Amino acid sequence: AIFMDEDDVAAYTIRCIDDPRALNKTIYLRPEENILSQNELIAKWEKLSGKVLEKIPIPSEEFLASIKGTDLANQVGIGHYYHLFYEGCLTNFDIGDNWEEEASLLYPEIQYIRMDEYMKRYL
């Protein structure tokens, strides 16, 4: 998944407003250092906190089966989680045609918050 501080999202959004390079384009917020699997994110947290979490891997089929019989809101939420963390739907495609840009490449002067820096705020 892609993790970003909300202030960074705002900074990129404001920068795009009057930039002719962003006109009529899809601007993706996918700074490379913040594209992490759930295991990578947990490993960062464990390193920073000095704690180790017990991890129980769940195969995707078992994960999806767990939503059977639950209410629609739960199914939608779990479905989104599945697409983000099992399928990687935010990162499983390339950016690069004439109508797409990645914000951290378009605006390298913006120093976005890396996830280890973000987590240090709350430890």
PDB file of N, CA and C in Angstrom:
ATOM      1  N   ALA A   1       0.858  -1.176   0.000  1.00  0.00           N
ATOM      2  CA  ALA A   1       0.000   0.000   0.000  1.00  0.00           C
ATOM      3  C   ALA A   1       0.898   1.231   0.000  1.00  0.00           C
ATOM      4  N   ILE A   2       0.294   2.373  -0.150  1.00  0.00           N
ATOM      5  CA  ILE A   2       1.020   3.635  -0.128  1.00  0.00           C
ATOM      6  C   ILE A   2       0.577   4.395   1.109  1.00  0.00           C
ATOM      7  N   PHE A   3       1.542   4.823   1.889  1.00  0.00           N
ATOM      8  CA  PHE A   3       1.269   5.531   3.124  1.00  0.00           C
ATOM      9  C   PHE A   3       1.791   6.953   2.989  1.00  0.00           C
ATOM     10  N   MET A   4       0.947   7.934   3.370  1.00  0.00           N
ATOM     11  CA  MET A   4       1.357   9.334   3.280  1.00  0.00           C
ATOM     12  C   MET A   4       0.792  10.137   4.426  1.00  0.00           C
ATOM     13  N   ASP A   5       1.573  11.095   4.870  1.00  0.00           N
ATOM     14  CA  ASP A   5       1.112  12.062   5.857  1.00  0.00           C
ATOM     15  C   ASP A   5       0.126  13.006   5.163  1.00  0.00           C
ATOM     16  N   GLU A   6      -0.943  13.353   5.853  1.00  0.00           N
ATOM     17  CA  GLU A   6      -1.972  14.210   5.242  1.00  0.00           C
ATOM     18  C   GLU A   6      -1.436  15.591   4.859  1.00  0.00           C
ATOM     19  N   ASP A   7      -0.448  16.090   5.570  1.00  0.00           N
ATOM     20  CA  ASP A   7       0.145  17.377   5.200  1.00  0.00           C
ATOM     21  C   ASP A   7       0.883  17.279   3.869  1.00  0.00           C
ATOM     22  N   ASP A   8       1.476  16.126   3.589  1.00  0.00           N
ATOM     23  CA  ASP A   8       2.142  15.926   2.304  1.00  0.00           C
ATOM     24  C   ASP A   8       1.126  15.854   1.172  1.00  0.00           C
ATOM     25  N   VAL A   9       0.005  15.200   1.414  1.00  0.00           N
ATOM     26  CA  VAL A   9      -1.060  15.156   0.411  1.00  0.00           C
ATOM     27  C   VAL A   9      -1.497  16.581   0.085  1.00  0.00           C
ATOM     28  N   ALA A  10      -1.675  17.391   1.110  1.00  0.00           N
ATOM     29  CA  ALA A  10      -2.075  18.784   0.909  1.00  0.00           C
ATOM     30  C   ALA A  10      -1.011  19.562   0.138  1.00  0.00           C
ATOM     31  N   ALA A  11       0.255  19.369   0.468  1.00  0.00           N
ATOM     32  CA  ALA A  11       1.342  20.092  -0.199  1.00  0.00           C
ATOM     33  C   ALA A  11       1.367  19.772  -1.694  1.00  0.00           C
ATOM     34  N   TYR A  12       1.236  18.503  -2.050  1.00  0.00           N
ATOM     35  CA  TYR A  12       1.228  18.129  -3.462  1.00  0.00           C
ATOM     36  C   TYR A  12      -0.026  18.662  -4.163  1.00  0.00           C
ATOM     37  N   THR A  13      -1.156  18.607  -3.483  1.00  0.00           N
ATOM     38  CA  THR A  13      -2.404  19.081  -4.072  1.00  0.00           C
ATOM     39  C   THR A  13      -2.329  20.574  -4.376  1.00  0.00           C
ATOM     40  N   ILE A  14      -1.861  21.352  -3.418  1.00  0.00           N
ATOM     41  CA  ILE A  14      -1.741  22.800  -3.609  1.00  0.00           C
ATOM     42  C   ILE A  14      -0.769  23.111  -4.741  1.00  0.00           C
ATOM     43  N   ARG A  15       0.330  22.370  -4.801  1.00  0.00           N
ATOM     44  CA  ARG A  15       1.324  22.612  -5.840  1.00  0.00           C
ATOM     45  C   ARG A  15       0.738  22.356  -7.236  1.00  0.00           C
ATOM     46  N   CYS A  16      -0.147  21.390  -7.353  1.00  0.00           N
ATOM     47  CA  CYS A  16      -0.736  21.043  -8.655  1.00  0.00           C
ATOM     48  C   CYS A  16      -1.757  22.059  -9.167  1.00  0.00           C
ATOM     49  N   ILE A  17      -2.345  22.823  -8.253  1.00  0.00           N
ATOM     50  CA  ILE A  17      -3.474  23.680  -8.623  1.00  0.00           C
ATOM     51  C   ILE A  17      -3.182  24.595  -9.805  1.00  0.00           C
ATOM     52  N   ASP A  18      -2.055  25.273  -9.788  1.00  0.00           N
ATOM     53  CA  ASP A  18      -1.782  26.210 -10.876  1.00  0.00           C
ATOM     54  C   ASP A  18      -0.534  25.843 -11.683  1.00  0.00           C
ATOM     55  N   ASP A  19      -0.174  24.582 -11.659  1.00  0.00           N
ATOM     56  CA  ASP A  19       0.987  24.120 -12.423  1.00  0.00           C
ATOM     57  C   ASP A  19       0.521  23.622 -13.793  1.00  0.00           C
ATOM     58  N   PRO A  20       0.954  24.252 -14.865  1.00  0.00           N
ATOM     59  CA  PRO A  20       0.529  23.818 -16.200  1.00  0.00           C
ATOM     60  C   PRO A  20       0.947  22.375 -16.517  1.00  0.00           C
ATOM     61  N   ARG A  21       2.003  21.869 -15.857  1.00  0.00           N
ATOM     62  CA  ARG A  21       2.421  20.480 -16.090  1.00  0.00           C
ATOM     63  C   ARG A  21       1.401  19.482 -15.560  1.00  0.00           C
ATOM     64  N   ALA A  22       0.535  19.930 -14.652  1.00  0.00           N
ATOM     65  CA  ALA A  22      -0.471  19.045 -14.056  1.00  0.00           C
ATOM     66  C   ALA A  22      -1.841  19.188 -14.719  1.00  0.00           C
ATOM     67  N   LEU A  23      -1.979  20.149 -15.597  1.00  0.00           N
ATOM     68  CA  LEU A  23      -3.272  20.430 -16.236  1.00  0.00           C
ATOM     69  C   LEU A  23      -3.770  19.215 -17.020  1.00  0.00           C
ATOM     70  N   ASN A  24      -4.992  18.817 -16.739  1.00  0.00           N
ATOM     71  CA  ASN A  24      -5.645  17.696 -17.416  1.00  0.00           C
ATOM     72  C   ASN A  24      -4.885  16.374 -17.278  1.00  0.00           C
ATOM     73  N   LYS A  25      -4.183  16.215 -16.183  1.00  0.00           N
ATOM     74  CA  LYS A  25      -3.458  14.972 -15.931  1.00  0.00           C
ATOM     75  C   LYS A  25      -3.942  14.340 -14.632  1.00  0.00           C
ATOM     76  N   THR A  26      -3.732  13.057 -14.537  1.00  0.00           N
ATOM     77  CA  THR A  26      -3.935  12.350 -13.281  1.00  0.00           C
ATOM     78  C   THR A  26      -2.617  12.403 -12.524  1.00  0.00           C
ATOM     79  N   ILE A  27      -2.655  12.933 -11.311  1.00  0.00           N
ATOM     80  CA  ILE A  27      -1.457  13.034 -10.488  1.00  0.00           C
ATOM     81  C   ILE A  27      -1.558  11.976  -9.397  1.00  0.00           C
ATOM     82  N   TYR A  28      -0.630  11.047  -9.411  1.00  0.00           N
ATOM     83  CA  TYR A  28      -0.610   9.978  -8.426  1.00  0.00           C
ATOM     84  C   TYR A  28       0.309  10.367  -7.274  1.00  0.00           C
ATOM     85  N   LEU A  29      -0.105  10.045  -6.077  1.00  0.00           N
ATOM     86  CA  LEU A  29       0.704  10.264  -4.880  1.00  0.00           C
ATOM     87  C   LEU A  29       1.273   8.908  -4.469  1.00  0.00           C
ATOM     88  N   ARG A  30       2.437   8.603  -5.013  1.00  0.00           N
ATOM     89  CA  ARG A  30       3.073   7.306  -4.771  1.00  0.00           C
ATOM     90  C   ARG A  30       4.572   7.482  -4.554  1.00  0.00           C
ATOM     91  N   PRO A  31       4.973   8.210  -3.514  1.00  0.00           N
ATOM     92  CA  PRO A  31       6.417   8.345  -3.288  1.00  0.00           C
ATOM     93  C   PRO A  31       7.029   6.983  -2.992  1.00  0.00           C
ATOM     94  N   GLU A  32       8.068   6.669  -3.720  1.00  0.00           N
ATOM     95  CA  GLU A  32       8.628   5.314  -3.706  1.00  0.00           C
ATOM     96  C   GLU A  32       8.962   4.787  -2.319  1.00  0.00           C
ATOM     97  N   GLU A  33       9.521   5.622  -1.465  1.00  0.00           N
ATOM     98  CA  GLU A  33       9.924   5.133  -0.139  1.00  0.00           C
ATOM     99  C   GLU A  33       8.724   4.844   0.772  1.00  0.00           C
ATOM    100  N   ASN A  34       7.542   5.259   0.387  1.00  0.00           N
ATOM    101  CA  ASN A  34       6.348   5.008   1.199  1.00  0.00           C
ATOM    102  C   ASN A  34       5.441   3.943   0.593  1.00  0.00           C
ATOM    103  N   ILE A  35       5.939   3.229  -0.386  1.00  0.00           N
ATOM    104  CA  ILE A  35       5.219   2.079  -0.925  1.00  0.00           C
ATOM    105  C   ILE A  35       5.717   0.867  -0.147  1.00  0.00           C
ATOM    106  N   LEU A  36       4.865   0.363   0.733  1.00  0.00           N
ATOM    107  CA  LEU A  36       5.275  -0.697   1.658  1.00  0.00           C
ATOM    108  C   LEU A  36       4.210  -1.782   1.752  1.00  0.00           C
ATOM    109  N   SER A  37       4.666  -3.004   1.902  1.00  0.00           N
ATOM    110  CA  SER A  37       3.729  -4.074   2.237  1.00  0.00           C
ATOM    111  C   SER A  37       3.391  -3.934   3.723  1.00  0.00           C
ATOM    112  N   GLN A  38       2.370  -4.637   4.143  1.00  0.00           N
ATOM    113  CA  GLN A  38       2.025  -4.600   5.562  1.00  0.00           C
ATOM    114  C   GLN A  38       3.181  -5.149   6.396  1.00  0.00           C
ATOM    115  N   ASN A  39       3.842  -6.188   5.910  1.00  0.00           N
ATOM    116  CA  ASN A  39       4.983  -6.752   6.651  1.00  0.00           C
ATOM    117  C   ASN A  39       6.128  -5.751   6.742  1.00  0.00           C
ATOM    118  N   GLU A  40       6.386  -5.005   5.685  1.00  0.00           N
ATOM    119  CA  GLU A  40       7.448  -3.992   5.724  1.00  0.00           C
ATOM    120  C   GLU A  40       7.105  -2.883   6.717  1.00  0.00           C
ATOM    121  N   LEU A  41       5.847  -2.475   6.741  1.00  0.00           N
ATOM    122  CA  LEU A  41       5.413  -1.446   7.678  1.00  0.00           C
ATOM    123  C   LEU A  41       5.561  -1.926   9.120  1.00  0.00           C
ATOM    124  N   ILE A  42       5.152  -3.153   9.376  1.00  0.00           N
ATOM    125  CA  ILE A  42       5.269  -3.727  10.715  1.00  0.00           C
ATOM    126  C   ILE A  42       6.737  -3.847  11.114  1.00  0.00           C
ATOM    127  N   ALA A  43       7.594  -4.255  10.182  1.00  0.00           N
ATOM    128  CA  ALA A  43       9.029  -4.378  10.479  1.00  0.00           C
ATOM    129  C   ALA A  43       9.611  -3.023  10.870  1.00  0.00           C
ATOM    130  N   LYS A  44       9.202  -1.958  10.204  1.00  0.00           N
ATOM    131  CA  LYS A  44       9.663  -0.613  10.572  1.00  0.00           C
ATOM    132  C   LYS A  44       9.215  -0.273  11.996  1.00  0.00           C
ATOM    133  N   TRP A  45       7.948  -0.558  12.295  1.00  0.00           N
ATOM    134  CA  TRP A  45       7.428  -0.264  13.627  1.00  0.00           C
ATOM    135  C   TRP A  45       8.176  -1.071  14.690  1.00  0.00           C
ATOM    136  N   GLU A  46       8.400  -2.362  14.417  1.00  0.00           N
ATOM    137  CA  GLU A  46       9.118  -3.208  15.373  1.00  0.00           C
ATOM    138  C   GLU A  46      10.521  -2.680  15.628  1.00  0.00           C
ATOM    139  N   LYS A  47      11.207  -2.263  14.571  1.00  0.00           N
ATOM    140  CA  LYS A  47      12.568  -1.741  14.716  1.00  0.00           C
ATOM    141  C   LYS A  47      12.574  -0.471  15.562  1.00  0.00           C
ATOM    142  N   LEU A  48      11.632   0.416  15.300  1.00  0.00           N
ATOM    143  CA  LEU A  48      11.573   1.682  16.035  1.00  0.00           C
ATOM    144  C   LEU A  48      11.141   1.501  17.486  1.00  0.00           C
ATOM    145  N   SER A  49      10.189   0.606  17.716  1.00  0.00           N
ATOM    146  CA  SER A  49       9.633   0.438  19.064  1.00  0.00           C
ATOM    147  C   SER A  49      10.429  -0.539  19.917  1.00  0.00           C
ATOM    148  N   GLY A  50      11.211  -1.400  19.275  1.00  0.00           N
ATOM    149  CA  GLY A  50      11.935  -2.429  20.020  1.00  0.00           C
ATOM    150  C   GLY A  50      11.041  -3.578  20.440  1.00  0.00           C
ATOM    151  N   LYS A  51       9.811  -3.620  19.938  1.00  0.00           N
ATOM    152  CA  LYS A  51       8.862  -4.692  20.256  1.00  0.00           C
ATOM    153  C   LYS A  51       8.699  -5.593  19.044  1.00  0.00           C
ATOM    154  N   VAL A  52       8.299  -6.833  19.302  1.00  0.00           N
ATOM    155  CA  VAL A  52       8.052  -7.778  18.219  1.00  0.00           C
ATOM    156  C   VAL A  52       6.606  -8.247  18.322  1.00  0.00           C
ATOM    157  N   LEU A  53       5.889  -8.139  17.235  1.00  0.00           N
ATOM    158  CA  LEU A  53       4.502  -8.588  17.195  1.00  0.00           C
ATOM    159  C   LEU A  53       4.423 -10.050  16.781  1.00  0.00           C
ATOM    160  N   GLU A  54       3.474 -10.759  17.319  1.00  0.00           N
ATOM    161  CA  GLU A  54       3.205 -12.110  16.853  1.00  0.00           C
ATOM    162  C   GLU A  54       2.442 -11.981  15.537  1.00  0.00           C
ATOM    163  N   LYS A  55       2.928 -12.652  14.518  1.00  0.00           N
ATOM    164  CA  LYS A  55       2.301 -12.569  13.199  1.00  0.00           C
ATOM    165  C   LYS A  55       1.721 -13.924  12.824  1.00  0.00           C
ATOM    166  N   ILE A  56       0.492 -13.912  12.375  1.00  0.00           N
ATOM    167  CA  ILE A  56      -0.168 -15.135  11.925  1.00  0.00           C
ATOM    168  C   ILE A  56      -0.586 -14.907  10.474  1.00  0.00           C
ATOM    169  N   PRO A  57       0.141 -15.504   9.524  1.00  0.00           N
ATOM    170  CA  PRO A  57      -0.215 -15.299   8.121  1.00  0.00           C
ATOM    171  C   PRO A  57      -1.571 -15.920   7.793  1.00  0.00           C
ATOM    172  N   ILE A  58      -2.342 -15.219   6.987  1.00  0.00           N
ATOM    173  CA  ILE A  58      -3.659 -15.704   6.580  1.00  0.00           C
ATOM    174  C   ILE A  58      -3.685 -15.746   5.054  1.00  0.00           C
ATOM    175  N   PRO A  59      -3.856 -16.934   4.461  1.00  0.00           N
ATOM    176  CA  PRO A  59      -3.953 -17.023   2.998  1.00  0.00           C
ATOM    177  C   PRO A  59      -5.141 -16.198   2.494  1.00  0.00           C
ATOM    178  N   SER A  60      -5.022 -15.670   1.292  1.00  0.00           N
ATOM    179  CA  SER A  60      -6.065 -14.786   0.758  1.00  0.00           C
ATOM    180  C   SER A  60      -7.430 -15.464   0.704  1.00  0.00           C
ATOM    181  N   GLU A  61      -7.472 -16.735   0.347  1.00  0.00           N
ATOM    182  CA  GLU A  61      -8.759 -17.438   0.268  1.00  0.00           C
ATOM    183  C   GLU A  61      -9.433 -17.486   1.642  1.00  0.00           C
ATOM    184  N   GLU A  62      -8.637 -17.754   2.668  1.00  0.00           N
ATOM    185  CA  GLU A  62      -9.169 -17.802   4.037  1.00  0.00           C
ATOM    186  C   GLU A  62      -9.620 -16.409   4.480  1.00  0.00           C
ATOM    187  N   PHE A  63      -8.846 -15.406   4.124  1.00  0.00           N
ATOM    188  CA  PHE A  63      -9.194 -14.031   4.472  1.00  0.00           C
ATOM    189  C   PHE A  63     -10.543 -13.653   3.856  1.00  0.00           C
ATOM    190  N   LEU A  64     -10.718 -13.926   2.567  1.00  0.00           N
ATOM    191  CA  LEU A  64     -11.975 -13.600   1.896  1.00  0.00           C
ATOM    192  C   LEU A  64     -13.138 -14.431   2.437  1.00  0.00           C
ATOM    193  N   ALA A  65     -12.895 -15.683   2.781  1.00  0.00           N
ATOM    194  CA  ALA A  65     -13.958 -16.537   3.326  1.00  0.00           C
ATOM    195  C   ALA A  65     -14.472 -16.006   4.660  1.00  0.00           C
ATOM    196  N   SER A  66     -13.629 -15.271   5.375  1.00  0.00           N
ATOM    197  CA  SER A  66     -14.022 -14.781   6.701  1.00  0.00           C
ATOM    198  C   SER A  66     -15.121 -13.719   6.646  1.00  0.00           C
ATOM    199  N   ILE A  67     -15.387 -13.150   5.491  1.00  0.00           N
ATOM    200  CA  ILE A  67     -16.421 -12.111   5.418  1.00  0.00           C
ATOM    201  C   ILE A  67     -17.797 -12.666   5.066  1.00  0.00           C
ATOM    202  N   LYS A  68     -17.850 -13.945   4.736  1.00  0.00           N
ATOM    203  CA  LYS A  68     -19.156 -14.548   4.416  1.00  0.00           C
ATOM    204  C   LYS A  68     -20.097 -14.408   5.602  1.00  0.00           C
ATOM    205  N   GLY A  69     -21.310 -13.978   5.299  1.00  0.00           N
ATOM    206  CA  GLY A  69     -22.325 -13.867   6.340  1.00  0.00           C
ATOM    207  C   GLY A  69     -22.246 -12.603   7.171  1.00  0.00           C
ATOM    208  N   THR A  70     -21.273 -11.728   6.894  1.00  0.00           N
ATOM    209  CA  THR A  70     -21.192 -10.474   7.648  1.00  0.00           C
ATOM    210  C   THR A  70     -21.995  -9.404   6.917  1.00  0.00           C
ATOM    211  N   ASP A  71     -22.237  -8.292   7.595  1.00  0.00           N
ATOM    212  CA  ASP A  71     -23.035  -7.230   6.984  1.00  0.00           C
ATOM    213  C   ASP A  71     -22.271  -6.577   5.832  1.00  0.00           C
ATOM    214  N   LEU A  72     -23.010  -5.861   4.989  1.00  0.00           N
ATOM    215  CA  LEU A  72     -22.443  -5.264   3.784  1.00  0.00           C
ATOM    216  C   LEU A  72     -21.307  -4.292   4.091  1.00  0.00           C
ATOM    217  N   ALA A  73     -21.448  -3.476   5.127  1.00  0.00           N
ATOM    218  CA  ALA A  73     -20.400  -2.510   5.471  1.00  0.00           C
ATOM    219  C   ALA A  73     -19.088  -3.228   5.793  1.00  0.00           C
ATOM    220  N   ASN A  74     -19.171  -4.325   6.527  1.00  0.00           N
ATOM    221  CA  ASN A  74     -17.976  -5.104   6.850  1.00  0.00           C
ATOM    222  C   ASN A  74     -17.379  -5.719   5.588  1.00  0.00           C
ATOM    223  N   GLN A  75     -18.219  -6.246   4.702  1.00  0.00           N
ATOM    224  CA  GLN A  75     -17.735  -6.844   3.467  1.00  0.00           C
ATOM    225  C   GLN A  75     -17.005  -5.809   2.602  1.00  0.00           C
ATOM    226  N   VAL A  76     -17.555  -4.609   2.524  1.00  0.00           N
ATOM    227  CA  VAL A  76     -16.926  -3.546   1.733  1.00  0.00           C
ATOM    228  C   VAL A  76     -15.579  -3.176   2.338  1.00  0.00           C
ATOM    229  N   GLY A  77     -15.543  -2.979   3.651  1.00  0.00           N
ATOM    230  CA  GLY A  77     -14.297  -2.623   4.313  1.00  0.00           C
ATOM    231  C   GLY A  77     -13.226  -3.681   4.150  1.00  0.00           C
ATOM    232  N   ILE A  78     -13.584  -4.926   4.387  1.00  0.00           N
ATOM    233  CA  ILE A  78     -12.630  -6.029   4.247  1.00  0.00           C
ATOM    234  C   ILE A  78     -12.228  -6.196   2.784  1.00  0.00           C
ATOM    235  N   GLY A  79     -13.178  -5.976   1.880  1.00  0.00           N
ATOM    236  CA  GLY A  79     -12.863  -6.056   0.449  1.00  0.00           C
ATOM    237  C   GLY A  79     -11.817  -5.029   0.042  1.00  0.00           C
ATOM    238  N   HIS A  80     -11.956  -3.807   0.544  1.00  0.00           N
ATOM    239  CA  HIS A  80     -10.952  -2.767   0.264  1.00  0.00           C
ATOM    240  C   HIS A  80      -9.595  -3.174   0.829  1.00  0.00           C
ATOM    241  N   TYR A  81      -9.595  -3.652   2.041  1.00  0.00           N
ATOM    242  CA  TYR A  81      -8.352  -4.092   2.678  1.00  0.00           C
ATOM    243  C   TYR A  81      -7.684  -5.184   1.835  1.00  0.00           C
ATOM    244  N   TYR A  82      -8.483  -6.117   1.345  1.00  0.00           N
ATOM    245  CA  TYR A  82      -7.966  -7.196   0.495  1.00  0.00           C
ATOM    246  C   TYR A  82      -7.310  -6.620  -0.762  1.00  0.00           C
ATOM    247  N   HIS A  83      -7.996  -5.706  -1.438  1.00  0.00           N
ATOM    248  CA  HIS A  83      -7.456  -5.130  -2.670  1.00  0.00           C
ATOM    249  C   HIS A  83      -6.163  -4.350  -2.408  1.00  0.00           C
ATOM    250  N   LEU A  84      -6.105  -3.662  -1.275  1.00  0.00           N
ATOM    251  CA  LEU A  84      -4.909  -2.884  -0.953  1.00  0.00           C
ATOM    252  C   LEU A  84      -3.723  -3.765  -0.578  1.00  0.00           C
ATOM    253  N   PHE A  85      -3.931  -4.689   0.354  1.00  0.00           N
ATOM    254  CA  PHE A  85      -2.813  -5.419   0.937  1.00  0.00           C
ATOM    255  C   PHE A  85      -2.536  -6.776   0.303  1.00  0.00           C
ATOM    256  N   TYR A  86      -3.536  -7.430  -0.250  1.00  0.00           N
ATOM    257  CA  TYR A  86      -3.280  -8.709  -0.894  1.00  0.00           C
ATOM    258  C   TYR A  86      -2.962  -8.532  -2.374  1.00  0.00           C
ATOM    259  N   GLU A  87      -3.721  -7.649  -3.046  1.00  0.00           N
ATOM    260  CA  GLU A  87      -3.523  -7.461  -4.484  1.00  0.00           C
ATOM    261  C   GLU A  87      -2.590  -6.303  -4.813  1.00  0.00           C
ATOM    262  N   GLY A  88      -2.436  -5.360  -3.887  1.00  0.00           N
ATOM    263  CA  GLY A  88      -1.585  -4.206  -4.149  1.00  0.00           C
ATOM    264  C   GLY A  88      -2.151  -3.290  -5.214  1.00  0.00           C
ATOM    265  N   CYS A  89      -3.465  -3.089  -5.206  1.00  0.00           N
ATOM    266  CA  CYS A  89      -4.128  -2.373  -6.300  1.00  0.00           C
ATOM    267  C   CYS A  89      -3.668  -0.928  -6.473  1.00  0.00           C
ATOM    268  N   LEU A  90      -3.019  -0.346  -5.498  1.00  0.00           N
ATOM    269  CA  LEU A  90      -2.523   1.023  -5.650  1.00  0.00           C
ATOM    270  C   LEU A  90      -1.150   1.072  -6.302  1.00  0.00           C
ATOM    271  N   THR A  91      -0.492  -0.063  -6.357  1.00  0.00           N
ATOM    272  CA  THR A  91       0.898  -0.083  -6.830  1.00  0.00           C
ATOM    273  C   THR A  91       1.155  -1.097  -7.938  1.00  0.00           C
ATOM    274  N   ASN A  92       0.141  -1.826  -8.372  1.00  0.00           N
ATOM    275  CA  ASN A  92       0.380  -2.904  -9.336  1.00  0.00           C
ATOM    276  C   ASN A  92       0.238  -2.454 -10.789  1.00  0.00           C
ATOM    277  N   PHE A  93       0.502  -1.186 -11.053  1.00  0.00           N
ATOM    278  CA  PHE A  93       0.467  -0.671 -12.417  1.00  0.00           C
ATOM    279  C   PHE A  93       1.530   0.414 -12.556  1.00  0.00           C
ATOM    280  N   ASP A  94       1.924   0.652 -13.777  1.00  0.00           N
ATOM    281  CA  ASP A  94       2.941   1.664 -14.048  1.00  0.00           C
ATOM    282  C   ASP A  94       2.285   3.000 -14.369  1.00  0.00           C
ATOM    283  N   ILE A  95       2.970   4.052 -14.007  1.00  0.00           N
ATOM    284  CA  ILE A  95       2.562   5.412 -14.362  1.00  0.00           C
ATOM    285  C   ILE A  95       3.479   5.831 -15.499  1.00  0.00           C
ATOM    286  N   GLY A  96       2.920   6.478 -16.498  1.00  0.00           N
ATOM    287  CA  GLY A  96       3.858   6.890 -17.511  1.00  0.00           C
ATOM    288  C   GLY A  96       3.300   7.387 -18.821  1.00  0.00           C
ATOM    289  N   ASP A  97       2.018   7.310 -19.058  1.00  0.00           N
ATOM    290  CA  ASP A  97       1.561   7.865 -20.326  1.00  0.00           C
ATOM    291  C   ASP A  97       1.549   9.394 -20.242  1.00  0.00           C
ATOM    292  N   ASN A  98       1.145  10.039 -21.287  1.00  0.00           N
ATOM    293  CA  ASN A  98       1.179  11.504 -21.350  1.00  0.00           C
ATOM    294  C   ASN A  98       0.186  12.179 -20.417  1.00  0.00           C
ATOM    295  N   TRP A  99      -0.708  11.420 -19.820  1.00  0.00           N
ATOM    296  CA  TRP A  99      -1.769  12.006 -19.004  1.00  0.00           C
ATOM    297  C   TRP A  99      -1.614  11.656 -17.531  1.00  0.00           C
ATOM    298  N   GLU A 100      -0.456  11.147 -17.144  1.00  0.00           N
ATOM    299  CA  GLU A 100      -0.226  10.745 -15.761  1.00  0.00           C
ATOM    300  C   GLU A 100       1.136  11.247 -15.290  1.00  0.00           C
ATOM    301  N   GLU A 101       1.196  11.607 -14.019  1.00  0.00           N
ATOM    302  CA  GLU A 101       2.459  12.008 -13.391  1.00  0.00           C
ATOM    303  C   GLU A 101       2.461  11.499 -11.957  1.00  0.00           C
ATOM    304  N   GLU A 102       3.653  11.265 -11.427  1.00  0.00           N
ATOM    305  CA  GLU A 102       3.788  10.917 -10.010  1.00  0.00           C
ATOM    306  C   GLU A 102       4.288  12.164  -9.299  1.00  0.00           C
ATOM    307  N   ALA A 103       3.594  12.548  -8.242  1.00  0.00           N
ATOM    308  CA  ALA A 103       3.819  13.841  -7.591  1.00  0.00           C
ATOM    309  C   ALA A 103       5.237  14.017  -7.048  1.00  0.00           C
ATOM    310  N   SER A 104       5.806  12.994  -6.432  1.00  0.00           N
ATOM    311  CA  SER A 104       7.142  13.180  -5.843  1.00  0.00           C
ATOM    312  C   SER A 104       8.220  13.331  -6.917  1.00  0.00           C
ATOM    313  N   LEU A 105       7.964  12.847  -8.127  1.00  0.00           N
ATOM    314  CA  LEU A 105       8.891  13.057  -9.239  1.00  0.00           C
ATOM    315  C   LEU A 105       8.663  14.420  -9.885  1.00  0.00           C
ATOM    316  N   LEU A 106       7.406  14.831  -9.938  1.00  0.00           N
ATOM    317  CA  LEU A 106       7.067  16.134 -10.515  1.00  0.00           C
ATOM    318  C   LEU A 106       7.534  17.279  -9.621  1.00  0.00           C
ATOM    319  N   TYR A 107       7.500  17.063  -8.302  1.00  0.00           N
ATOM    320  CA  TYR A 107       7.883  18.088  -7.322  1.00  0.00           C
ATOM    321  C   TYR A 107       8.932  17.527  -6.350  1.00  0.00           C
ATOM    322  N   PRO A 108      10.151  17.288  -6.824  1.00  0.00           N
ATOM    323  CA  PRO A 108      11.169  16.687  -5.951  1.00  0.00           C
ATOM    324  C   PRO A 108      11.589  17.596  -4.798  1.00  0.00           C
ATOM    325  N   GLU A 109      11.268  18.876  -4.885  1.00  0.00           N
ATOM    326  CA  GLU A 109      11.632  19.801  -3.805  1.00  0.00           C
ATOM    327  C   GLU A 109      10.769  19.616  -2.559  1.00  0.00           C
ATOM    328  N   ILE A 110       9.634  18.963  -2.683  1.00  0.00           N
ATOM    329  CA  ILE A 110       8.801  18.685  -1.509  1.00  0.00           C
ATOM    330  C   ILE A 110       9.403  17.489  -0.783  1.00  0.00           C
ATOM    331  N   GLN A 111       9.786  17.702   0.453  1.00  0.00           N
ATOM    332  CA  GLN A 111      10.388  16.643   1.251  1.00  0.00           C
ATOM    333  C   GLN A 111       9.291  15.923   2.032  1.00  0.00           C
ATOM    334  N   TYR A 112       8.746  14.879   1.431  1.00  0.00           N
ATOM    335  CA  TYR A 112       7.645  14.164   2.068  1.00  0.00           C
ATOM    336  C   TYR A 112       8.144  13.359   3.265  1.00  0.00           C
ATOM    337  N   ILE A 113       7.227  13.093   4.175  1.00  0.00           N
ATOM    338  CA  ILE A 113       7.532  12.342   5.391  1.00  0.00           C
ATOM    339  C   ILE A 113       7.595  10.849   5.069  1.00  0.00           C
ATOM    340  N   ARG A 114       8.715  10.236   5.400  1.00  0.00           N
ATOM    341  CA  ARG A 114       8.844   8.783   5.253  1.00  0.00           C
ATOM    342  C   ARG A 114       8.142   8.122   6.441  1.00  0.00           C
ATOM    343  N   MET A 115       7.714   6.890   6.267  1.00  0.00           N
ATOM    344  CA  MET A 115       6.910   6.229   7.296  1.00  0.00           C
ATOM    345  C   MET A 115       7.654   6.018   8.600  1.00  0.00           C
ATOM    346  N   ASP A 116       8.952   5.784   8.568  1.00  0.00           N
ATOM    347  CA  ASP A 116       9.660   5.637   9.840  1.00  0.00           C
ATOM    348  C   ASP A 116       9.673   6.963  10.596  1.00  0.00           C
ATOM    349  N   GLU A 117       9.793   8.087   9.869  1.00  0.00           N
ATOM    350  CA  GLU A 117       9.718   9.408  10.504  1.00  0.00           C
ATOM    351  C   GLU A 117       8.324   9.638  11.089  1.00  0.00           C
ATOM    352  N   TYR A 118       7.310   9.247  10.337  1.00  0.00           N
ATOM    353  CA  TYR A 118       5.922   9.408  10.782  1.00  0.00           C
ATOM    354  C   TYR A 118       5.676   8.627  12.072  1.00  0.00           C
ATOM    355  N   MET A 119       6.141   7.384  12.113  1.00  0.00           N
ATOM    356  CA  MET A 119       5.909   6.543  13.283  1.00  0.00           C
ATOM    357  C   MET A 119       6.651   7.051  14.518  1.00  0.00           C
ATOM    358  N   LYS A 120       7.800   7.662  14.319  1.00  0.00           N
ATOM    359  CA  LYS A 120       8.567   8.195  15.454  1.00  0.00           C
ATOM    360  C   LYS A 120       7.764   9.237  16.231  1.00  0.00           C
ATOM    361  N   ARG A 121       6.865   9.918  15.570  1.00  0.00           N
ATOM    362  CA  ARG A 121       6.021  10.917  16.230  1.00  0.00           C
ATOM    363  C   ARG A 121       5.138  10.308  17.314  1.00  0.00           C
ATOM    364  N   TYR A 122       4.798   9.043  17.138  1.00  0.00           N
ATOM    365  CA  TYR A 122       3.786   8.426  18.012  1.00  0.00           C
ATOM    366  C   TYR A 122       4.342   7.341  18.918  1.00  0.00           C
ATOM    367  N   LEU A 123       5.657   7.194  18.951  1.00  0.00           N
ATOM    368  CA  LEU A 123       6.242   6.188  19.843  1.00  0.00           C
ATOM    369  C   LEU A 123       6.703   6.808  21.135  1.00  0.00           C
TER     370      LEU A 123
END
